[in-house]
Amino acid sequence: MARFLITGSSDGIGLATAKVLAGKGHSVVLHARNSARAESTRQAVPQAEAVLVADLRSVTETKQLAQEANKLGNGTFDAIIHNAGIGYGSTSSREITADKISAVFAVNTLAPYILTCLMKKPTSRLLYMSSDSHYGGDESLRNATQSHSYSDSKLHDVMLANAFARRWGGDIQVVSMHPGWVRTKMGGSMASSGLEETGDAIADWAMGVGNLANLPSGSFLTIAGARSTHPGAGKVEKQEELLKLCREVSGVAIPGE
């Protein structure tokens, strides 16, 4: 039995992946934004080891989520999937948080950075959920903490994956992913892909099964294989600039740096 943590797993892709993993007898730790969503998640995946609650718009709550995850068992996961995100049309998509940053930046960029730094490194795999929308992102990072741009934040996720792949890629597989245009609240009813296909593909990756699990660290995945990224995502100086920005905003540094 392997052990997995998935953020943003109260619905959509995160929940679909959790159901597959739990159904195969693995231990899953899930995450919901509030207690009501946590309760519906427990009902949807009754086999889950735990459902942790944190609003990732809050730097403080994100740090607390990392602490709670580290307290469960020995705090070690085989794979961690940073799936939580604010998308187009969300009520939070134009919000400035109490930490005086864009909610989109807080959830889509800063939260996975904080969790990566504060949680124990997974033993096998680490995934940052991105999107093909990242091709339209701004690599300059100008005013990044105030940006409401989904595309910018999804470019940040690829940059984070590449930055940690350079640091940890010799030990674990670190990747980013475009899951496809999936029929979720974010994707809408006209999307071309169903949740089952996407959930199966991500679950296989998490378990180390199939093609995706064998691709090199730093790969940008689709459910069909690897794809090239926005040119800015591969620029080491921009990756490091993003890491510095995240450190300054959150007060959290990468372990050992």
C-alpha atoms as a PDB file:
ATOM      1  CA  MET A   1       0.000   0.000   0.000  1.00  0.00           C
ATOM      2  CA  ALA A   2       1.302   3.448  -0.968  1.00  0.00           C
ATOM      3  CA  ARG A   3       0.380   6.793   0.590  1.00  0.00           C
ATOM      4  CA  PHE A   4      -0.685   9.935  -1.252  1.00  0.00           C
ATOM      5  CA  LEU A   5      -1.686  13.529  -0.493  1.00  0.00           C
ATOM      6  CA  ILE A   6      -3.840  15.494  -2.936  1.00  0.00           C
ATOM      7  CA  THR A   7      -4.724  19.145  -2.412  1.00  0.00           C
ATOM      8  CA  GLY A   8      -7.992  20.464  -3.799  1.00  0.00           C
ATOM      9  CA  SER A   9      -9.564  17.025  -3.623  1.00  0.00           C
ATOM     10  CA  SER A  10     -13.137  17.831  -2.560  1.00  0.00           C
ATOM     11  CA  ASP A  11     -14.321  17.695  -6.180  1.00  0.00           C
ATOM     12  CA  GLY A  12     -13.159  17.540  -9.789  1.00  0.00           C
ATOM     13  CA  ILE A  13      -9.857  15.988 -10.818  1.00  0.00           C
ATOM     14  CA  GLY A  14      -8.540  15.730  -7.270  1.00  0.00           C
ATOM     15  CA  LEU A  15     -11.554  13.787  -6.042  1.00  0.00           C
ATOM     16  CA  ALA A  16     -11.637  11.555  -9.124  1.00  0.00           C
ATOM     17  CA  THR A  17      -7.964  10.653  -8.599  1.00  0.00           C
ATOM     18  CA  ALA A  18      -8.520  10.029  -4.891  1.00  0.00           C
ATOM     19  CA  LYS A  19     -11.375   7.627  -5.599  1.00  0.00           C
ATOM     20  CA  VAL A  20      -9.201   5.558  -7.929  1.00  0.00           C
ATOM     21  CA  LEU A  21      -6.300   5.381  -5.470  1.00  0.00           C
ATOM     22  CA  ALA A  22      -8.505   4.582  -2.478  1.00  0.00           C
ATOM     23  CA  GLY A  23     -10.377   1.996  -4.520  1.00  0.00           C
ATOM     24  CA  LYS A  24      -7.108   0.203  -5.163  1.00  0.00           C
ATOM     25  CA  GLY A  25      -6.422  -0.013  -1.438  1.00  0.00           C
ATOM     26  CA  HIS A  26      -3.955   2.865  -1.102  1.00  0.00           C
ATOM     27  CA  SER A  27      -3.950   5.412   1.702  1.00  0.00           C
ATOM     28  CA  VAL A  28      -5.068   8.876   0.628  1.00  0.00           C
ATOM     29  CA  VAL A  29      -4.955  12.106   2.583  1.00  0.00           C
ATOM     30  CA  LEU A  30      -7.279  14.663   1.052  1.00  0.00           C
ATOM     31  CA  HIS A  31      -7.756  18.400   1.410  1.00  0.00           C
ATOM     32  CA  ALA A  32     -10.783  20.679   1.397  1.00  0.00           C
ATOM     33  CA  ARG A  33     -11.161  24.438   1.705  1.00  0.00           C
ATOM     34  CA  ASN A  34     -13.650  24.368   4.587  1.00  0.00           C
ATOM     35  CA  SER A  35     -15.405  21.979   6.961  1.00  0.00           C
ATOM     36  CA  ALA A  36     -18.556  21.619   4.830  1.00  0.00           C
ATOM     37  CA  ARG A  37     -16.531  20.574   1.799  1.00  0.00           C
ATOM     38  CA  ALA A  38     -14.448  18.283   4.011  1.00  0.00           C
ATOM     39  CA  GLU A  39     -17.571  16.465   5.162  1.00  0.00           C
ATOM     40  CA  SER A  40     -18.790  15.906   1.593  1.00  0.00           C
ATOM     41  CA  THR A  41     -15.295  14.635   0.715  1.00  0.00           C
ATOM     42  CA  ARG A  42     -15.365  12.122   3.580  1.00  0.00           C
ATOM     43  CA  GLN A  43     -18.702  10.855   2.310  1.00  0.00           C
ATOM     44  CA  ALA A  44     -17.368  10.572  -1.246  1.00  0.00           C
ATOM     45  CA  VAL A  45     -14.179   8.744  -0.194  1.00  0.00           C
ATOM     46  CA  PRO A  46     -14.991   7.002   3.101  1.00  0.00           C
ATOM     47  CA  GLN A  47     -11.747   4.984   2.906  1.00  0.00           C
ATOM     48  CA  ALA A  48      -9.613   8.165   3.061  1.00  0.00           C
ATOM     49  CA  GLU A  49      -7.032   8.248   5.831  1.00  0.00           C
ATOM     50  CA  ALA A  50      -7.892  11.884   6.575  1.00  0.00           C
ATOM     51  CA  VAL A  51      -9.404  15.018   5.067  1.00  0.00           C
ATOM     52  CA  LEU A  52      -7.431  18.105   6.100  1.00  0.00           C
ATOM     53  CA  VAL A  53      -9.039  21.552   6.063  1.00  0.00           C
ATOM     54  CA  ALA A  54      -7.278  24.744   4.997  1.00  0.00           C
ATOM     55  CA  ASP A  55      -8.142  27.779   2.926  1.00  0.00           C
ATOM     56  CA  LEU A  56      -5.087  28.110   0.700  1.00  0.00           C
ATOM     57  CA  ARG A  57      -5.818  31.785   0.156  1.00  0.00           C
ATOM     58  CA  SER A  58      -4.347  32.234   3.641  1.00  0.00           C
ATOM     59  CA  VAL A  59      -0.589  31.945   4.148  1.00  0.00           C
ATOM     60  CA  THR A  60      -1.188  31.014   7.798  1.00  0.00           C
ATOM     61  CA  GLU A  61      -3.671  28.245   6.978  1.00  0.00           C
ATOM     62  CA  THR A  62      -1.388  26.869   4.278  1.00  0.00           C
ATOM     63  CA  LYS A  63       1.467  26.630   6.779  1.00  0.00           C
ATOM     64  CA  GLN A  64      -0.875  24.904   9.227  1.00  0.00           C
ATOM     65  CA  LEU A  65      -1.878  22.407   6.516  1.00  0.00           C
ATOM     66  CA  ALA A  66       1.775  21.460   6.070  1.00  0.00           C
ATOM     67  CA  GLN A  67       2.138  20.970   9.832  1.00  0.00           C
ATOM     68  CA  GLU A  68      -0.965  18.789  10.009  1.00  0.00           C
ATOM     69  CA  ALA A  69       0.174  16.657   7.079  1.00  0.00           C
ATOM     70  CA  ASN A  70       3.568  16.154   8.700  1.00  0.00           C
ATOM     71  CA  LYS A  71       1.889  14.966  11.929  1.00  0.00           C
ATOM     72  CA  LEU A  72      -0.100  12.230  10.201  1.00  0.00           C
ATOM     73  CA  GLY A  73       1.653   8.910  10.491  1.00  0.00           C
ATOM     74  CA  ASN A  74       5.321   9.571   9.908  1.00  0.00           C
ATOM     75  CA  GLY A  75       4.530  12.499   7.625  1.00  0.00           C
ATOM     76  CA  THR A  76       5.914  10.732   4.570  1.00  0.00           C
ATOM     77  CA  PHE A  77       4.004  10.317   1.307  1.00  0.00           C
ATOM     78  CA  ASP A  78       4.942   8.356  -1.788  1.00  0.00           C
ATOM     79  CA  ALA A  79       3.518  11.095  -3.999  1.00  0.00           C
ATOM     80  CA  ILE A  80       2.132  14.580  -3.430  1.00  0.00           C
ATOM     81  CA  ILE A  81      -0.205  16.176  -5.971  1.00  0.00           C
ATOM     82  CA  HIS A  82      -0.563  19.960  -5.788  1.00  0.00           C
ATOM     83  CA  ASN A  83      -3.940  20.067  -7.493  1.00  0.00           C
ATOM     84  CA  ALA A  84      -5.804  22.909  -5.737  1.00  0.00           C
ATOM     85  CA  GLY A  85      -6.419  25.932  -7.904  1.00  0.00           C
ATOM     86  CA  ILE A  86      -8.575  28.962  -8.599  1.00  0.00           C
ATOM     87  CA  GLY A  87      -9.737  29.062 -12.188  1.00  0.00           C
ATOM     88  CA  TYR A  88     -11.612  31.256 -14.608  1.00  0.00           C
ATOM     89  CA  GLY A  89     -14.899  32.609 -13.326  1.00  0.00           C
ATOM     90  CA  SER A  90     -14.310  31.717  -9.678  1.00  0.00           C
ATOM     91  CA  THR A  91     -15.711  34.138  -7.114  1.00  0.00           C
ATOM     92  CA  SER A  92     -12.126  34.441  -5.799  1.00  0.00           C
ATOM     93  CA  SER A  93     -10.517  35.107  -9.166  1.00  0.00           C
ATOM     94  CA  ARG A  94     -10.388  38.902  -8.614  1.00  0.00           C
ATOM     95  CA  GLU A  95      -9.853  38.850  -4.855  1.00  0.00           C
ATOM     96  CA  ILE A  96      -6.981  40.409  -2.893  1.00  0.00           C
ATOM     97  CA  THR A  97      -6.486  38.380   0.276  1.00  0.00           C
ATOM     98  CA  ALA A  98      -5.849  39.440   3.866  1.00  0.00           C
ATOM     99  CA  ASP A  99      -2.154  38.846   3.114  1.00  0.00           C
ATOM    100  CA  LYS A 100      -2.464  41.581   0.457  1.00  0.00           C
ATOM    101  CA  ILE A 101      -1.800  39.282  -2.484  1.00  0.00           C
ATOM    102  CA  SER A 102      -3.995  38.041  -5.298  1.00  0.00           C
ATOM    103  CA  ALA A 103      -6.031  34.986  -4.337  1.00  0.00           C
ATOM    104  CA  VAL A 104      -5.016  33.399  -7.651  1.00  0.00           C
ATOM    105  CA  PHE A 105      -1.333  33.848  -6.792  1.00  0.00           C
ATOM    106  CA  ALA A 106      -1.937  32.666  -3.214  1.00  0.00           C
ATOM    107  CA  VAL A 107      -3.666  29.404  -4.150  1.00  0.00           C
ATOM    108  CA  ASN A 108      -2.134  28.518  -7.499  1.00  0.00           C
ATOM    109  CA  THR A 109       1.464  29.640  -6.924  1.00  0.00           C
ATOM    110  CA  LEU A 110       2.311  30.379  -3.309  1.00  0.00           C
ATOM    111  CA  ALA A 111       0.488  27.467  -1.640  1.00  0.00           C
ATOM    112  CA  PRO A 112       2.326  24.722  -3.559  1.00  0.00           C
ATOM    113  CA  TYR A 113       5.613  26.520  -2.871  1.00  0.00           C
ATOM    114  CA  ILE A 114       4.907  26.699   0.892  1.00  0.00           C
ATOM    115  CA  LEU A 115       3.731  23.092   1.081  1.00  0.00           C
ATOM    116  CA  THR A 116       6.743  21.852  -0.861  1.00  0.00           C
ATOM    117  CA  CYS A 117       9.099  23.657   1.506  1.00  0.00           C
ATOM    118  CA  LEU A 118       7.396  22.718   4.777  1.00  0.00           C
ATOM    119  CA  MET A 119       6.245  19.152   4.131  1.00  0.00           C
ATOM    120  CA  LYS A 120       8.591  16.200   4.063  1.00  0.00           C
ATOM    121  CA  LYS A 121       9.831  15.456   0.567  1.00  0.00           C
ATOM    122  CA  PRO A 122       7.799  12.587  -0.954  1.00  0.00           C
ATOM    123  CA  THR A 123       9.641   9.344  -1.502  1.00  0.00           C
ATOM    124  CA  SER A 124       8.856   8.974  -5.204  1.00  0.00           C
ATOM    125  CA  ARG A 125       6.863  11.658  -7.039  1.00  0.00           C
ATOM    126  CA  LEU A 126       5.776  15.301  -6.868  1.00  0.00           C
ATOM    127  CA  LEU A 127       3.288  16.933  -9.249  1.00  0.00           C
ATOM    128  CA  TYR A 128       2.289  20.570  -9.777  1.00  0.00           C
ATOM    129  CA  MET A 129      -1.002  20.838 -11.656  1.00  0.00           C
ATOM    130  CA  SER A 130      -0.639  23.365 -14.454  1.00  0.00           C
ATOM    131  CA  SER A 131      -2.571  23.900 -17.684  1.00  0.00           C
ATOM    132  CA  ASP A 132      -2.019  24.556 -21.359  1.00  0.00           C
ATOM    133  CA  SER A 133      -3.120  28.080 -20.398  1.00  0.00           C
ATOM    134  CA  HIS A 134       0.420  28.546 -19.100  1.00  0.00           C
ATOM    135  CA  TYR A 135       1.529  29.197 -22.694  1.00  0.00           C
ATOM    136  CA  GLY A 136      -0.157  32.597 -22.358  1.00  0.00           C
ATOM    137  CA  GLY A 137       1.564  33.433 -19.058  1.00  0.00           C
ATOM    138  CA  ASP A 138       3.917  36.349 -18.444  1.00  0.00           C
ATOM    139  CA  GLU A 139       7.422  35.160 -17.568  1.00  0.00           C
ATOM    140  CA  SER A 140       8.536  38.644 -16.481  1.00  0.00           C
ATOM    141  CA  LEU A 141       6.979  38.167 -12.996  1.00  0.00           C
ATOM    142  CA  ARG A 142       6.164  41.878 -12.935  1.00  0.00           C
ATOM    143  CA  ASN A 143       3.517  42.505 -10.280  1.00  0.00           C
ATOM    144  CA  ALA A 144       3.124  38.734  -9.928  1.00  0.00           C
ATOM    145  CA  THR A 145       1.732  38.822  -6.397  1.00  0.00           C
ATOM    146  CA  GLN A 146      -1.119  41.091  -7.494  1.00  0.00           C
ATOM    147  CA  SER A 147      -1.871  39.336 -10.772  1.00  0.00           C
ATOM    148  CA  HIS A 148      -5.312  37.772 -11.203  1.00  0.00           C
ATOM    149  CA  SER A 149      -4.134  35.955 -14.330  1.00  0.00           C
ATOM    150  CA  TYR A 150      -4.800  32.208 -14.350  1.00  0.00           C
ATOM    151  CA  SER A 151      -2.283  31.835 -17.189  1.00  0.00           C
ATOM    152  CA  ASP A 152       0.444  33.557 -15.168  1.00  0.00           C
ATOM    153  CA  SER A 153      -0.172  31.291 -12.177  1.00  0.00           C
ATOM    154  CA  LYS A 154      -0.114  28.147 -14.287  1.00  0.00           C
ATOM    155  CA  LEU A 155       3.223  29.257 -15.787  1.00  0.00           C
ATOM    156  CA  HIS A 156       4.459  29.711 -12.212  1.00  0.00           C
ATOM    157  CA  ASP A 157       3.508  26.090 -11.489  1.00  0.00           C
ATOM    158  CA  VAL A 158       5.672  24.843 -14.359  1.00  0.00           C
ATOM    159  CA  MET A 159       8.509  27.074 -13.146  1.00  0.00           C
ATOM    160  CA  LEU A 160       8.169  25.692  -9.611  1.00  0.00           C
ATOM    161  CA  ALA A 161       8.242  22.130 -10.912  1.00  0.00           C
ATOM    162  CA  ASN A 162      11.352  22.855 -12.948  1.00  0.00           C
ATOM    163  CA  ALA A 163      13.066  24.596 -10.022  1.00  0.00           C
ATOM    164  CA  PHE A 164      12.458  21.672  -7.670  1.00  0.00           C
ATOM    165  CA  ALA A 165      13.315  19.167 -10.411  1.00  0.00           C
ATOM    166  CA  ARG A 166      16.759  20.765 -10.576  1.00  0.00           C
ATOM    167  CA  ARG A 167      17.125  20.348  -6.817  1.00  0.00           C
ATOM    168  CA  TRP A 168      15.466  16.990  -6.221  1.00  0.00           C
ATOM    169  CA  GLY A 169      15.173  15.391  -9.655  1.00  0.00           C
ATOM    170  CA  GLY A 170      17.969  12.957  -8.932  1.00  0.00           C
ATOM    171  CA  ASP A 171      15.986  11.523  -6.008  1.00  0.00           C
ATOM    172  CA  ILE A 172      12.330  11.757  -7.058  1.00  0.00           C
ATOM    173  CA  GLN A 173      10.312  12.530 -10.179  1.00  0.00           C
ATOM    174  CA  VAL A 174       9.173  16.174 -10.125  1.00  0.00           C
ATOM    175  CA  VAL A 175       6.786  17.204 -12.918  1.00  0.00           C
ATOM    176  CA  SER A 176       4.042  19.621 -13.938  1.00  0.00           C
ATOM    177  CA  MET A 177       0.929  18.672 -15.865  1.00  0.00           C
ATOM    178  CA  HIS A 178      -1.822  19.827 -18.174  1.00  0.00           C
ATOM    179  CA  PRO A 179      -4.666  17.421 -17.317  1.00  0.00           C
ATOM    180  CA  GLY A 180      -6.658  18.263 -20.424  1.00  0.00           C
ATOM    181  CA  TRP A 181      -9.941  20.062 -20.966  1.00  0.00           C
ATOM    182  CA  VAL A 182     -11.938  18.127 -18.395  1.00  0.00           C
ATOM    183  CA  ARG A 183     -15.632  18.289 -17.526  1.00  0.00           C
ATOM    184  CA  THR A 184     -15.375  19.931 -14.108  1.00  0.00           C
ATOM    185  CA  LYS A 185     -16.687  23.155 -12.566  1.00  0.00           C
ATOM    186  CA  MET A 186     -13.653  24.881 -14.084  1.00  0.00           C
ATOM    187  CA  GLY A 187     -13.701  23.088 -17.431  1.00  0.00           C
ATOM    188  CA  GLY A 188     -17.437  23.286 -17.983  1.00  0.00           C
ATOM    189  CA  SER A 189     -19.911  20.815 -19.442  1.00  0.00           C
ATOM    190  CA  MET A 190     -18.642  21.200 -23.016  1.00  0.00           C
ATOM    191  CA  ALA A 191     -15.126  19.958 -22.186  1.00  0.00           C
ATOM    192  CA  SER A 192     -13.789  17.128 -24.316  1.00  0.00           C
ATOM    193  CA  SER A 193     -12.467  14.828 -21.572  1.00  0.00           C
ATOM    194  CA  GLY A 194     -14.229  13.017 -18.748  1.00  0.00           C
ATOM    195  CA  LEU A 195     -13.071  12.856 -15.149  1.00  0.00           C
ATOM    196  CA  GLU A 196     -12.652   9.082 -15.203  1.00  0.00           C
ATOM    197  CA  GLU A 197      -9.988   9.109 -17.929  1.00  0.00           C
ATOM    198  CA  THR A 198      -8.041  11.912 -16.274  1.00  0.00           C
ATOM    199  CA  GLY A 199      -8.349  10.479 -12.761  1.00  0.00           C
ATOM    200  CA  ASP A 200      -7.136   7.085 -13.976  1.00  0.00           C
ATOM    201  CA  ALA A 201      -4.104   8.618 -15.702  1.00  0.00           C
ATOM    202  CA  ILE A 202      -3.046  10.685 -12.691  1.00  0.00           C
ATOM    203  CA  ALA A 203      -3.613   7.759 -10.323  1.00  0.00           C
ATOM    204  CA  ASP A 204      -1.444   5.523 -12.509  1.00  0.00           C
ATOM    205  CA  TRP A 205       1.292   8.161 -12.464  1.00  0.00           C
ATOM    206  CA  ALA A 206       1.053   8.444  -8.669  1.00  0.00           C
ATOM    207  CA  MET A 207       1.366   4.674  -8.300  1.00  0.00           C
ATOM    208  CA  GLY A 208       4.369   4.600 -10.629  1.00  0.00           C
ATOM    209  CA  VAL A 209       2.504   2.759 -13.355  1.00  0.00           C
ATOM    210  CA  GLY A 210       2.853   3.446 -17.086  1.00  0.00           C
ATOM    211  CA  ASN A 211       4.646   5.900 -19.323  1.00  0.00           C
ATOM    212  CA  LEU A 212       4.155   9.094 -17.338  1.00  0.00           C
ATOM    213  CA  ALA A 213       5.832   7.692 -14.242  1.00  0.00           C
ATOM    214  CA  ASN A 214       8.972   6.951 -16.255  1.00  0.00           C
ATOM    215  CA  LEU A 215       9.468  10.385 -17.803  1.00  0.00           C
ATOM    216  CA  PRO A 216      12.388  12.495 -16.537  1.00  0.00           C
ATOM    217  CA  SER A 217      12.027  15.111 -13.834  1.00  0.00           C
ATOM    218  CA  GLY A 218      11.132  18.498 -15.255  1.00  0.00           C
ATOM    219  CA  SER A 219       8.734  17.014 -17.812  1.00  0.00           C
ATOM    220  CA  PHE A 220       5.465  18.765 -18.589  1.00  0.00           C
ATOM    221  CA  LEU A 221       2.879  15.987 -18.769  1.00  0.00           C
ATOM    222  CA  THR A 222      -0.403  15.452 -20.513  1.00  0.00           C
ATOM    223  CA  ILE A 223      -2.321  12.218 -20.035  1.00  0.00           C
ATOM    224  CA  ALA A 224      -0.884  11.131 -23.407  1.00  0.00           C
ATOM    225  CA  GLY A 225       2.777  11.945 -22.676  1.00  0.00           C
ATOM    226  CA  ALA A 226       5.227  14.823 -22.416  1.00  0.00           C
ATOM    227  CA  ARG A 227       4.899  18.176 -24.173  1.00  0.00           C
ATOM    228  CA  SER A 228       7.126  21.219 -24.564  1.00  0.00           C
ATOM    229  CA  THR A 229       6.480  24.255 -22.342  1.00  0.00           C
ATOM    230  CA  HIS A 230       6.445  28.033 -22.508  1.00  0.00           C
ATOM    231  CA  PRO A 231      10.107  29.008 -23.173  1.00  0.00           C
ATOM    232  CA  GLY A 232      10.173  31.128 -20.017  1.00  0.00           C
ATOM    233  CA  ALA A 233       9.487  28.097 -17.828  1.00  0.00           C
ATOM    234  CA  GLY A 234      12.935  26.727 -18.568  1.00  0.00           C
ATOM    235  CA  LYS A 235      14.865  29.881 -17.672  1.00  0.00           C
ATOM    236  CA  VAL A 236      16.740  29.152 -14.468  1.00  0.00           C
ATOM    237  CA  GLU A 237      17.101  32.831 -13.547  1.00  0.00           C
ATOM    238  CA  LYS A 238      13.321  33.303 -13.740  1.00  0.00           C
ATOM    239  CA  GLN A 239      12.699  30.153 -11.710  1.00  0.00           C
ATOM    240  CA  GLU A 240      15.021  31.459  -9.027  1.00  0.00           C
ATOM    241  CA  GLU A 241      13.379  34.879  -9.142  1.00  0.00           C
ATOM    242  CA  LEU A 242       9.996  33.225  -8.532  1.00  0.00           C
ATOM    243  CA  LEU A 243      11.386  31.204  -5.621  1.00  0.00           C
ATOM    244  CA  LYS A 244      12.837  34.371  -4.081  1.00  0.00           C
ATOM    245  CA  LEU A 245       9.506  36.157  -4.477  1.00  0.00           C
ATOM    246  CA  CYS A 246       7.635  33.291  -2.832  1.00  0.00           C
ATOM    247  CA  ARG A 247      10.147  33.207   0.024  1.00  0.00           C
ATOM    248  CA  GLU A 248       9.791  36.953   0.631  1.00  0.00           C
ATOM    249  CA  VAL A 249       5.984  36.874   0.607  1.00  0.00           C
ATOM    250  CA  SER A 250       5.595  33.752   2.766  1.00  0.00           C
ATOM    251  CA  GLY A 251       8.629  33.884   5.025  1.00  0.00           C
ATOM    252  CA  VAL A 252       9.283  30.239   4.107  1.00  0.00           C
ATOM    253  CA  ALA A 253      12.597  29.100   2.653  1.00  0.00           C
ATOM    254  CA  ILE A 254      13.493  25.932   0.801  1.00  0.00           C
ATOM    255  CA  PRO A 255      15.061  23.496   3.299  1.00  0.00           C
ATOM    256  CA  GLY A 256      18.833  23.927   3.392  1.00  0.00           C
ATOM    257  CA  GLU A 257      18.816  27.203   1.458  1.00  0.00           C
END
